[in-house]
Protein backbone atom coordinates (compact mmCIF):
# COMPACT_ATOMS: atom_id res chain seq x y z
CA UNK A 1 144.38 109.03 167.11
CA UNK A 2 145.45 107.86 162.95
CA UNK A 3 144.09 110.34 160.29
CA UNK A 4 141.23 108.12 158.42
CA UNK A 5 139.75 110.98 155.91
CA UNK A 6 140.85 114.11 154.79
CA UNK A 7 139.40 116.64 157.41
CA UNK A 8 140.61 120.10 156.39
CA UNK A 9 140.82 120.47 152.53
CA UNK A 10 142.43 123.12 150.39
CA UNK A 11 140.00 125.15 148.87
CA UNK A 12 140.19 127.57 146.21
CA UNK A 13 138.55 131.11 145.99
CA UNK A 14 137.40 132.72 143.09
CA UNK A 15 135.98 136.55 142.23
CA UNK A 16 131.87 136.11 141.23
CA UNK A 17 132.44 139.68 140.32
CA UNK A 18 135.50 139.55 137.83
CA UNK A 19 133.77 136.48 136.15
CA UNK A 20 130.56 137.44 136.00
CA UNK A 21 131.65 141.04 133.63
CA UNK A 22 134.05 138.88 132.11
CA UNK A 23 137.36 141.12 133.01
CA UNK A 24 139.12 139.66 129.93
CA UNK A 25 137.63 141.71 127.81
CA UNK A 26 137.58 144.65 129.52
CA UNK A 27 140.76 146.28 127.44
CA UNK A 28 141.75 148.96 129.81
CA UNK A 29 142.33 146.59 133.10
CA UNK A 30 144.75 143.76 132.71
CA UNK A 31 143.25 140.30 132.18
CA UNK A 32 143.18 137.36 135.05
CA UNK A 33 140.59 137.22 137.78
CA UNK A 34 141.61 137.10 141.22
CA UNK A 35 141.48 133.49 143.13
CA UNK A 36 142.99 132.93 146.97
CA UNK A 37 144.07 129.80 147.81
CA UNK A 38 142.44 128.87 151.75
CA UNK A 39 141.52 125.66 153.48
CA UNK A 40 138.20 125.04 155.61
CA UNK A 41 136.24 122.50 158.03
CA UNK A 42 134.14 119.70 155.52
CA UNK A 43 132.98 118.54 158.29
CA UNK A 44 131.04 121.71 159.27
CA UNK A 45 131.14 123.39 156.32
CA UNK A 46 130.25 120.85 154.05
CA UNK A 47 128.31 123.66 151.93
CA UNK A 48 130.70 126.09 149.21
CA UNK A 49 132.39 128.94 150.98
CA UNK A 50 131.86 132.60 150.03
CA UNK A 51 134.49 134.99 151.69
CA UNK A 52 134.53 138.72 151.08
CA UNK A 53 137.99 139.43 149.79
CA UNK A 54 140.04 142.60 147.93
CA UNK A 55 140.23 141.85 144.08
CA UNK A 56 142.98 142.73 142.48
CA UNK A 57 141.11 143.27 139.30
CA UNK A 58 138.20 145.42 140.43
CA UNK A 59 140.24 146.86 142.39
CA UNK A 60 137.62 146.54 146.06
CA UNK A 61 136.32 143.95 148.06
CA UNK A 62 134.49 141.36 146.29
CA UNK A 63 132.51 138.47 147.12
CA UNK A 64 134.69 134.93 146.36
CA UNK A 65 132.94 132.03 146.20
CA UNK A 66 134.43 127.99 145.92
CA UNK A 67 135.04 126.84 142.57
CA UNK A 68 136.25 122.87 141.93
CA UNK A 69 139.44 121.92 141.13
């Protein structure tokens, strides 16, 4: 059985809290946005993926949403 299409693809997850509050302008916290790399099955999950992950810049668990590469 040949694999024609890439069913499982790598996706980037980015902290939605850091993007919204623009952590880069805050002088007390280090500059940056939390990002994770994971895989998803594109046939079973055609929509955007959202997972709760730890953000080292917010210092708490926040929702990380899928972004385009």
